[in-house]
Amino acid sequence: MEYQTIIEERHGAVTRLITNRPRYKNAQSRLMIDELDHAFAMANGDDEVRVIILAAVGDTFSSGHDLGTPEEKEDMRQRPVPKKVSGQYALSRSLFLDATLRWRNLDKPTIAQVQGKCIFGGWMFASAMDLIVAADDAQFLPALMQYFSVPWDIPLRKAKEAMFRSRFISAEEAERLGFVNQVVPRAQLETATLALAREIADNDPFTLRMVKWATNAAQDAMGFSEAVRNAHSHYMVQGFDSFLKESLEGKGFPKVMPGVTRALKPE
């Protein structure tokens, strides 16, 4: 399959999937999600692949969901979604919740390679990976999202504080909080991530799979997957409230979410 929004690289037993929309700060279009989902499935089913890296072209890992680039609007025109609650709910659940859970549950170890801003949906991408290697310039902005892993990713009160204040979390703080495994200089990010992936790939693949299954099962026994699915409904209610407010004021859907606007304000 020829991809339009991602690049696939092979490095021996390691596959690197790279989002490639730097013009839009790697905003997550529907096509990007579809292509990533396909590429993850192909890598997961390839016996020669032992570790998968998720990376991004440019200065930004992800600015979050695509809220209306020309390409996204054209895709929505060609693949329309019913303009009612049921249609929007089904799209959101399929595109951002179900797909992200599939990536979290891949058989093989996955690593997020994060640089620059990692906003909202970008947090979802990174969180779904097993490990995160971050550049020292990485900044993470959590929120109530379709795949709401934040209370599981960092301590609860820190999660609430960051979301209440719409505050970026630096790479160093994210490492202290346990969200990031390793922080490296920006110039060394690709090399360090690939080195970690190769180290992991040297292990027995069946053992890696069992370790991952057992670890994810332990988290699920504490309610992770069910909590994430339930939180999706809260996200939808929040989203429809914002959409209704903007529509009544004649503004249309916002191009930048309020939490991002607050987070980007200089202190």
C-alpha atoms as a PDB file:
ATOM      1  CA  MET A   1       0.000   0.000   0.000  1.00  0.00           C
ATOM      2  CA  GLU A   2       1.315   3.442  -0.943  1.00  0.00           C
ATOM      3  CA  TYR A   3       0.853   5.914   1.903  1.00  0.00           C
ATOM      4  CA  GLN A   4       0.148   9.640   1.542  1.00  0.00           C
ATOM      5  CA  THR A   5       0.542  10.871   5.123  1.00  0.00           C
ATOM      6  CA  ILE A   6       3.096   8.503   6.647  1.00  0.00           C
ATOM      7  CA  ILE A   7       6.502   7.054   5.801  1.00  0.00           C
ATOM      8  CA  GLU A   8       7.537   3.487   6.589  1.00  0.00           C
ATOM      9  CA  GLU A   9      11.188   2.570   7.185  1.00  0.00           C
ATOM     10  CA  ARG A  10      12.810  -0.760   7.971  1.00  0.00           C
ATOM     11  CA  HIS A  11      15.910  -1.028  10.145  1.00  0.00           C
ATOM     12  CA  GLY A  12      16.511  -4.752  10.433  1.00  0.00           C
ATOM     13  CA  ALA A  13      14.009  -6.093  12.960  1.00  0.00           C
ATOM     14  CA  VAL A  14      12.707  -2.574  13.669  1.00  0.00           C
ATOM     15  CA  THR A  15       9.999  -0.781  11.684  1.00  0.00           C
ATOM     16  CA  ARG A  16       9.659   2.973  11.991  1.00  0.00           C
ATOM     17  CA  LEU A  17       6.315   4.567  11.097  1.00  0.00           C
ATOM     18  CA  ILE A  18       6.691   8.317  10.583  1.00  0.00           C
ATOM     19  CA  THR A  19       3.805  10.761  10.310  1.00  0.00           C
ATOM     20  CA  ASN A  20       4.509  13.142   7.442  1.00  0.00           C
ATOM     21  CA  ARG A  21       2.371  16.271   7.576  1.00  0.00           C
ATOM     22  CA  PRO A  22       4.929  18.820   8.829  1.00  0.00           C
ATOM     23  CA  ARG A  23       3.111  21.657   7.044  1.00  0.00           C
ATOM     24  CA  TYR A  24       0.243  21.138   9.494  1.00  0.00           C
ATOM     25  CA  LYS A  25       2.418  20.196  12.474  1.00  0.00           C
ATOM     26  CA  ASN A  26       1.429  16.556  11.902  1.00  0.00           C
ATOM     27  CA  ALA A  27      -2.230  17.207  12.626  1.00  0.00           C
ATOM     28  CA  GLN A  28      -4.079  13.898  12.754  1.00  0.00           C
ATOM     29  CA  SER A  29      -6.300  13.643   9.702  1.00  0.00           C
ATOM     30  CA  ARG A  30      -8.700  10.785   9.144  1.00  0.00           C
ATOM     31  CA  LEU A  31      -6.459   9.517   6.335  1.00  0.00           C
ATOM     32  CA  MET A  32      -3.427   9.548   8.638  1.00  0.00           C
ATOM     33  CA  ILE A  33      -5.248   7.452  11.236  1.00  0.00           C
ATOM     34  CA  ASP A  34      -6.388   5.005   8.556  1.00  0.00           C
ATOM     35  CA  GLU A  35      -2.876   4.683   7.143  1.00  0.00           C
ATOM     36  CA  LEU A  36      -1.267   4.266  10.548  1.00  0.00           C
ATOM     37  CA  ASP A  37      -3.825   1.633  11.466  1.00  0.00           C
ATOM     38  CA  HIS A  38      -2.998  -0.300   8.298  1.00  0.00           C
ATOM     39  CA  ALA A  39       0.768   0.078   8.764  1.00  0.00           C
ATOM     40  CA  PHE A  40       0.616  -1.025  12.409  1.00  0.00           C
ATOM     41  CA  ALA A  41      -1.407  -4.089  11.415  1.00  0.00           C
ATOM     42  CA  MET A  42       1.062  -4.994   8.661  1.00  0.00           C
ATOM     43  CA  ALA A  43       4.063  -4.614  10.972  1.00  0.00           C
ATOM     44  CA  ASN A  44       2.312  -6.566  13.703  1.00  0.00           C
ATOM     45  CA  GLY A  45       1.720  -9.449  11.305  1.00  0.00           C
ATOM     46  CA  ASP A  46       5.268  -9.481   9.911  1.00  0.00           C
ATOM     47  CA  ASP A  47       7.390 -12.105  11.681  1.00  0.00           C
ATOM     48  CA  GLU A  48      10.559 -10.229  10.695  1.00  0.00           C
ATOM     49  CA  VAL A  49       9.479  -7.156  12.684  1.00  0.00           C
ATOM     50  CA  ARG A  50      10.084  -7.266  16.425  1.00  0.00           C
ATOM     51  CA  VAL A  51       9.737  -3.612  17.491  1.00  0.00           C
ATOM     52  CA  ILE A  52       7.746  -0.699  16.038  1.00  0.00           C
ATOM     53  CA  ILE A  53       8.683   2.982  16.424  1.00  0.00           C
ATOM     54  CA  LEU A  54       6.159   5.805  15.941  1.00  0.00           C
ATOM     55  CA  ALA A  55       7.894   9.043  14.934  1.00  0.00           C
ATOM     56  CA  ALA A  56       7.113  12.300  13.120  1.00  0.00           C
ATOM     57  CA  VAL A  57       8.710  14.508  10.471  1.00  0.00           C
ATOM     58  CA  GLY A  58       9.539  18.095  11.432  1.00  0.00           C
ATOM     59  CA  ASP A  59       9.647  20.099  14.641  1.00  0.00           C
ATOM     60  CA  THR A  60       6.325  18.903  16.084  1.00  0.00           C
ATOM     61  CA  PHE A  61       5.377  15.361  17.046  1.00  0.00           C
ATOM     62  CA  SER A  62       1.681  16.201  16.772  1.00  0.00           C
ATOM     63  CA  SER A  63      -0.512  19.277  17.091  1.00  0.00           C
ATOM     64  CA  GLY A  64      -3.509  17.042  17.773  1.00  0.00           C
ATOM     65  CA  HIS A  65      -6.535  16.353  15.598  1.00  0.00           C
ATOM     66  CA  ASP A  66      -6.948  17.936  12.168  1.00  0.00           C
ATOM     67  CA  LEU A  67      -9.690  20.511  12.704  1.00  0.00           C
ATOM     68  CA  GLY A  68     -10.100  21.597   9.098  1.00  0.00           C
ATOM     69  CA  THR A  69      -7.114  21.610   6.744  1.00  0.00           C
ATOM     70  CA  PRO A  70      -8.027  21.680   3.024  1.00  0.00           C
ATOM     71  CA  GLU A  71      -7.051  18.027   2.681  1.00  0.00           C
ATOM     72  CA  GLU A  72      -9.232  16.990   5.603  1.00  0.00           C
ATOM     73  CA  LYS A  73     -12.204  18.942   4.263  1.00  0.00           C
ATOM     74  CA  GLU A  74     -11.817  17.279   0.870  1.00  0.00           C
ATOM     75  CA  ASP A  75     -11.592  13.847   2.471  1.00  0.00           C
ATOM     76  CA  MET A  76     -14.751  14.543   4.445  1.00  0.00           C
ATOM     77  CA  ARG A  77     -16.456  15.606   1.217  1.00  0.00           C
ATOM     78  CA  GLN A  78     -15.459  12.388  -0.521  1.00  0.00           C
ATOM     79  CA  ARG A  79     -16.171  10.191   2.507  1.00  0.00           C
ATOM     80  CA  PRO A  80     -19.049  11.998   4.205  1.00  0.00           C
ATOM     81  CA  VAL A  81     -20.215  11.246   7.721  1.00  0.00           C
ATOM     82  CA  PRO A  82     -23.895  11.638   8.703  1.00  0.00           C
ATOM     83  CA  LYS A  83     -24.349  15.116  10.171  1.00  0.00           C
ATOM     84  CA  LYS A  84     -26.041  13.961  13.328  1.00  0.00           C
ATOM     85  CA  VAL A  85     -24.950  12.810  16.761  1.00  0.00           C
ATOM     86  CA  SER A  86     -24.890   9.116  15.874  1.00  0.00           C
ATOM     87  CA  GLY A  87     -22.640   9.684  12.862  1.00  0.00           C
ATOM     88  CA  GLN A  88     -20.178  11.885  14.714  1.00  0.00           C
ATOM     89  CA  TYR A  89     -20.117   9.505  17.667  1.00  0.00           C
ATOM     90  CA  ALA A  90     -19.421   6.492  15.449  1.00  0.00           C
ATOM     91  CA  LEU A  91     -16.626   8.319  13.619  1.00  0.00           C
ATOM     92  CA  SER A  92     -14.992   9.507  16.830  1.00  0.00           C
ATOM     93  CA  ARG A  93     -15.163   6.098  18.467  1.00  0.00           C
ATOM     94  CA  SER A  94     -13.871   4.211  15.439  1.00  0.00           C
ATOM     95  CA  LEU A  95     -11.161   6.681  14.465  1.00  0.00           C
ATOM     96  CA  PHE A  96      -9.708   7.749  17.778  1.00  0.00           C
ATOM     97  CA  LEU A  97     -10.796   5.278  20.462  1.00  0.00           C
ATOM     98  CA  ASP A  98     -10.933   1.869  18.803  1.00  0.00           C
ATOM     99  CA  ALA A  99      -7.855   2.440  16.634  1.00  0.00           C
ATOM    100  CA  THR A 100      -5.793   3.728  19.551  1.00  0.00           C
ATOM    101  CA  LEU A 101      -6.773   0.755  21.699  1.00  0.00           C
ATOM    102  CA  ARG A 102      -5.703  -1.554  18.870  1.00  0.00           C
ATOM    103  CA  TRP A 103      -2.287   0.110  18.780  1.00  0.00           C
ATOM    104  CA  ARG A 104      -1.953  -0.215  22.540  1.00  0.00           C
ATOM    105  CA  ASN A 105      -2.740  -3.918  22.231  1.00  0.00           C
ATOM    106  CA  LEU A 106      -0.364  -4.781  19.387  1.00  0.00           C
ATOM    107  CA  ASP A 107       1.590  -7.981  20.024  1.00  0.00           C
ATOM    108  CA  LYS A 108       4.955  -6.275  19.621  1.00  0.00           C
ATOM    109  CA  PRO A 109       6.756  -3.638  21.701  1.00  0.00           C
ATOM    110  CA  THR A 110       6.174  -0.098  20.462  1.00  0.00           C
ATOM    111  CA  ILE A 111       8.116   3.107  21.110  1.00  0.00           C
ATOM    112  CA  ALA A 112       7.041   6.725  20.596  1.00  0.00           C
ATOM    113  CA  GLN A 113       9.834   9.040  19.425  1.00  0.00           C
ATOM    114  CA  VAL A 114       8.668  12.509  20.476  1.00  0.00           C
ATOM    115  CA  GLN A 115      10.032  15.957  19.672  1.00  0.00           C
ATOM    116  CA  GLY A 116       8.535  19.416  20.049  1.00  0.00           C
ATOM    117  CA  LYS A 117       4.875  19.880  20.868  1.00  0.00           C
ATOM    118  CA  CYS A 118       2.754  16.819  21.665  1.00  0.00           C
ATOM    119  CA  ILE A 119      -0.760  18.196  22.024  1.00  0.00           C
ATOM    120  CA  PHE A 120      -4.048  16.450  22.927  1.00  0.00           C
ATOM    121  CA  GLY A 121      -4.319  13.753  20.228  1.00  0.00           C
ATOM    122  CA  GLY A 122      -0.532  13.672  20.160  1.00  0.00           C
ATOM    123  CA  TRP A 123      -0.638  12.547  23.790  1.00  0.00           C
ATOM    124  CA  MET A 124      -2.984   9.763  22.695  1.00  0.00           C
ATOM    125  CA  PHE A 125      -0.513   8.614  20.039  1.00  0.00           C
ATOM    126  CA  ALA A 126       2.403   8.609  22.475  1.00  0.00           C
ATOM    127  CA  SER A 127       0.442   7.020  25.311  1.00  0.00           C
ATOM    128  CA  ALA A 128      -0.675   4.095  23.149  1.00  0.00           C
ATOM    129  CA  MET A 129       2.961   3.105  22.668  1.00  0.00           C
ATOM    130  CA  ASP A 130       4.676   0.941  25.290  1.00  0.00           C
ATOM    131  CA  LEU A 131       7.654   3.256  25.780  1.00  0.00           C
ATOM    132  CA  ILE A 132       8.361   6.925  25.086  1.00  0.00           C
ATOM    133  CA  VAL A 133      11.714   8.482  24.214  1.00  0.00           C
ATOM    134  CA  ALA A 134      11.507  12.278  24.201  1.00  0.00           C
ATOM    135  CA  ALA A 135      13.787  15.011  22.970  1.00  0.00           C
ATOM    136  CA  ASP A 136      14.728  17.609  25.549  1.00  0.00           C
ATOM    137  CA  ASP A 137      12.528  20.132  23.705  1.00  0.00           C
ATOM    138  CA  ALA A 138       9.397  17.972  23.911  1.00  0.00           C
ATOM    139  CA  GLN A 139       6.306  19.441  25.582  1.00  0.00           C
ATOM    140  CA  PHE A 140       3.172  17.458  26.373  1.00  0.00           C
ATOM    141  CA  LEU A 141      -0.343  18.900  26.711  1.00  0.00           C
ATOM    142  CA  PRO A 142      -2.999  16.513  28.102  1.00  0.00           C
ATOM    143  CA  ALA A 143      -6.769  16.917  27.993  1.00  0.00           C
ATOM    144  CA  LEU A 144     -10.008  14.957  28.106  1.00  0.00           C
ATOM    145  CA  MET A 145      -9.673  13.093  24.814  1.00  0.00           C
ATOM    146  CA  GLN A 146     -11.285  10.150  23.026  1.00  0.00           C
ATOM    147  CA  TYR A 147      -8.565   7.836  24.369  1.00  0.00           C
ATOM    148  CA  PHE A 148      -8.407   9.254  27.893  1.00  0.00           C
ATOM    149  CA  SER A 149      -5.327   7.603  29.345  1.00  0.00           C
ATOM    150  CA  VAL A 150      -4.030  10.656  31.223  1.00  0.00           C
ATOM    151  CA  PRO A 151      -5.075   9.553  34.770  1.00  0.00           C
ATOM    152  CA  TRP A 152      -3.223   6.286  34.137  1.00  0.00           C
ATOM    153  CA  ASP A 153      -0.164   7.888  32.559  1.00  0.00           C
ATOM    154  CA  ILE A 154       0.779  10.259  35.377  1.00  0.00           C
ATOM    155  CA  PRO A 155      -0.229  10.633  39.052  1.00  0.00           C
ATOM    156  CA  LEU A 156      -3.869  11.641  39.419  1.00  0.00           C
ATOM    157  CA  ARG A 157      -3.420  15.047  41.062  1.00  0.00           C
ATOM    158  CA  LYS A 158      -0.711  16.001  38.580  1.00  0.00           C
ATOM    159  CA  ALA A 159      -3.047  14.936  35.772  1.00  0.00           C
ATOM    160  CA  LYS A 160      -5.859  17.099  37.136  1.00  0.00           C
ATOM    161  CA  GLU A 161      -3.548  20.062  37.654  1.00  0.00           C
ATOM    162  CA  ALA A 162      -2.154  19.955  34.125  1.00  0.00           C
ATOM    163  CA  MET A 163      -5.632  19.721  32.605  1.00  0.00           C
ATOM    164  CA  PHE A 164      -7.265  22.255  34.955  1.00  0.00           C
ATOM    165  CA  ARG A 165      -4.512  24.768  34.163  1.00  0.00           C
ATOM    166  CA  SER A 166      -4.094  23.840  30.463  1.00  0.00           C
ATOM    167  CA  ARG A 167      -0.383  23.568  31.152  1.00  0.00           C
ATOM    168  CA  PHE A 168       2.357  21.988  29.065  1.00  0.00           C
ATOM    169  CA  ILE A 169       4.460  19.334  30.783  1.00  0.00           C
ATOM    170  CA  SER A 170       8.142  19.482  29.864  1.00  0.00           C
ATOM    171  CA  ALA A 171      10.081  16.408  28.810  1.00  0.00           C
ATOM    172  CA  GLU A 172      12.009  16.420  32.086  1.00  0.00           C
ATOM    173  CA  GLU A 173       8.836  16.662  34.181  1.00  0.00           C
ATOM    174  CA  ALA A 174       7.171  13.956  32.081  1.00  0.00           C
ATOM    175  CA  GLU A 175      10.132  11.697  32.822  1.00  0.00           C
ATOM    176  CA  ARG A 176       9.881  12.420  36.562  1.00  0.00           C
ATOM    177  CA  LEU A 177       6.159  11.647  36.458  1.00  0.00           C
ATOM    178  CA  GLY A 178       6.798   8.322  34.740  1.00  0.00           C
ATOM    179  CA  PHE A 179       5.177   9.157  31.391  1.00  0.00           C
ATOM    180  CA  VAL A 180       8.472   9.329  29.501  1.00  0.00           C
ATOM    181  CA  ASN A 181      11.123   6.620  29.776  1.00  0.00           C
ATOM    182  CA  GLN A 182      14.112   8.557  28.511  1.00  0.00           C
ATOM    183  CA  VAL A 183      14.979  12.176  27.638  1.00  0.00           C
ATOM    184  CA  VAL A 184      17.806  12.838  25.196  1.00  0.00           C
ATOM    185  CA  PRO A 185      19.199  15.867  23.342  1.00  0.00           C
ATOM    186  CA  ARG A 186      17.152  16.644  20.243  1.00  0.00           C
ATOM    187  CA  ALA A 187      20.057  15.837  17.923  1.00  0.00           C
ATOM    188  CA  GLN A 188      20.307  12.340  19.421  1.00  0.00           C
ATOM    189  CA  LEU A 189      16.591  11.487  19.446  1.00  0.00           C
ATOM    190  CA  GLU A 190      16.462   9.274  16.368  1.00  0.00           C
ATOM    191  CA  THR A 191      19.686   7.453  17.209  1.00  0.00           C
ATOM    192  CA  ALA A 192      18.725   6.874  20.843  1.00  0.00           C
ATOM    193  CA  THR A 193      15.254   5.601  19.973  1.00  0.00           C
ATOM    194  CA  LEU A 194      16.578   3.211  17.358  1.00  0.00           C
ATOM    195  CA  ALA A 195      19.258   1.953  19.762  1.00  0.00           C
ATOM    196  CA  LEU A 196      16.597   1.198  22.382  1.00  0.00           C
ATOM    197  CA  ALA A 197      14.436  -0.544  19.794  1.00  0.00           C
ATOM    198  CA  ARG A 198      17.337  -2.709  18.638  1.00  0.00           C
ATOM    199  CA  GLU A 199      18.200  -3.626  22.221  1.00  0.00           C
ATOM    200  CA  ILE A 200      14.622  -4.773  22.792  1.00  0.00           C
ATOM    201  CA  ALA A 201      14.536  -6.590  19.447  1.00  0.00           C
ATOM    202  CA  ASP A 202      17.452  -8.773  20.575  1.00  0.00           C
ATOM    203  CA  ASN A 203      15.137 -10.492  23.052  1.00  0.00           C
ATOM    204  CA  ASP A 204      12.987 -13.525  22.312  1.00  0.00           C
ATOM    205  CA  PRO A 205       9.851 -12.266  20.493  1.00  0.00           C
ATOM    206  CA  PHE A 206       7.506 -14.714  22.216  1.00  0.00           C
ATOM    207  CA  THR A 207       8.780 -13.638  25.630  1.00  0.00           C
ATOM    208  CA  LEU A 208       8.284  -9.988  24.683  1.00  0.00           C
ATOM    209  CA  ARG A 209       4.732 -10.735  23.598  1.00  0.00           C
ATOM    210  CA  MET A 210       3.894 -12.553  26.828  1.00  0.00           C
ATOM    211  CA  VAL A 211       5.394  -9.760  28.939  1.00  0.00           C
ATOM    212  CA  LYS A 212       3.339  -7.180  27.069  1.00  0.00           C
ATOM    213  CA  TRP A 213       0.123  -9.190  27.262  1.00  0.00           C
ATOM    214  CA  ALA A 214       0.571  -9.828  30.984  1.00  0.00           C
ATOM    215  CA  THR A 215       1.396  -6.195  31.727  1.00  0.00           C
ATOM    216  CA  ASN A 216      -1.550  -4.851  29.741  1.00  0.00           C
ATOM    217  CA  ALA A 217      -3.806  -7.453  31.365  1.00  0.00           C
ATOM    218  CA  ALA A 218      -2.712  -6.262  34.808  1.00  0.00           C
ATOM    219  CA  GLN A 219      -3.655  -2.701  33.866  1.00  0.00           C
ATOM    220  CA  ASP A 220      -6.964  -3.877  32.421  1.00  0.00           C
ATOM    221  CA  ALA A 221      -7.696  -5.786  35.639  1.00  0.00           C
ATOM    222  CA  MET A 222      -7.571  -2.385  37.342  1.00  0.00           C
ATOM    223  CA  GLY A 223     -10.127  -1.070  34.840  1.00  0.00           C
ATOM    224  CA  PHE A 224      -8.030   0.730  32.224  1.00  0.00           C
ATOM    225  CA  SER A 225      -9.796  -0.231  28.987  1.00  0.00           C
ATOM    226  CA  GLU A 226     -13.277   0.085  30.474  1.00  0.00           C
ATOM    227  CA  ALA A 227     -12.455   3.488  31.963  1.00  0.00           C
ATOM    228  CA  VAL A 228     -11.087   4.721  28.633  1.00  0.00           C
ATOM    229  CA  ARG A 229     -14.209   3.558  26.800  1.00  0.00           C
ATOM    230  CA  ASN A 230     -16.484   5.212  29.358  1.00  0.00           C
ATOM    231  CA  ALA A 231     -14.519   8.466  29.204  1.00  0.00           C
ATOM    232  CA  HIS A 232     -15.139   8.655  25.466  1.00  0.00           C
ATOM    233  CA  SER A 233     -18.777   9.526  26.156  1.00  0.00           C
ATOM    234  CA  HIS A 234     -17.688  12.368  28.456  1.00  0.00           C
ATOM    235  CA  TYR A 235     -15.418  13.618  25.688  1.00  0.00           C
ATOM    236  CA  MET A 236     -18.301  13.601  23.205  1.00  0.00           C
ATOM    237  CA  VAL A 237     -20.564  15.573  25.543  1.00  0.00           C
ATOM    238  CA  GLN A 238     -17.796  18.141  26.041  1.00  0.00           C
ATOM    239  CA  GLY A 239     -17.190  18.315  22.302  1.00  0.00           C
ATOM    240  CA  PHE A 240     -20.833  18.813  21.397  1.00  0.00           C
ATOM    241  CA  ASP A 241     -21.128  21.568  24.009  1.00  0.00           C
ATOM    242  CA  SER A 242     -18.222  23.459  22.405  1.00  0.00           C
ATOM    243  CA  PHE A 243     -19.571  22.848  18.904  1.00  0.00           C
ATOM    244  CA  LEU A 244     -23.066  24.031  19.851  1.00  0.00           C
ATOM    245  CA  LYS A 245     -21.714  27.198  21.467  1.00  0.00           C
ATOM    246  CA  GLU A 246     -19.609  28.073  18.410  1.00  0.00           C
ATOM    247  CA  SER A 247     -22.484  27.278  16.037  1.00  0.00           C
ATOM    248  CA  LEU A 248     -24.950  29.471  17.932  1.00  0.00           C
ATOM    249  CA  GLU A 249     -22.451  32.319  17.734  1.00  0.00           C
ATOM    250  CA  GLY A 250     -22.020  31.733  14.001  1.00  0.00           C
ATOM    251  CA  LYS A 251     -18.326  30.927  14.249  1.00  0.00           C
ATOM    252  CA  GLY A 252     -18.331  27.331  13.036  1.00  0.00           C
ATOM    253  CA  PHE A 253     -16.125  24.674  14.563  1.00  0.00           C
ATOM    254  CA  PRO A 254     -13.055  26.184  16.294  1.00  0.00           C
ATOM    255  CA  LYS A 255      -9.727  25.750  14.475  1.00  0.00           C
ATOM    256  CA  VAL A 256      -7.809  25.815  17.764  1.00  0.00           C
ATOM    257  CA  MET A 257      -9.220  24.250  20.917  1.00  0.00           C
ATOM    258  CA  PRO A 258      -9.502  26.611  23.925  1.00  0.00           C
ATOM    259  CA  GLY A 259      -7.112  24.577  26.070  1.00  0.00           C
ATOM    260  CA  VAL A 260      -4.381  24.908  23.457  1.00  0.00           C
ATOM    261  CA  THR A 261      -4.903  28.662  23.211  1.00  0.00           C
ATOM    262  CA  ARG A 262      -4.497  29.014  26.981  1.00  0.00           C
ATOM    263  CA  ALA A 263      -1.446  26.747  27.089  1.00  0.00           C
ATOM    264  CA  LEU A 264       0.334  28.742  24.372  1.00  0.00           C
ATOM    265  CA  LYS A 265      -0.147  32.092  26.137  1.00  0.00           C
ATOM    266  CA  PRO A 266       3.156  33.499  27.424  1.00  0.00           C
ATOM    267  CA  GLU A 267       3.410  33.432  31.197  1.00  0.00           C
END
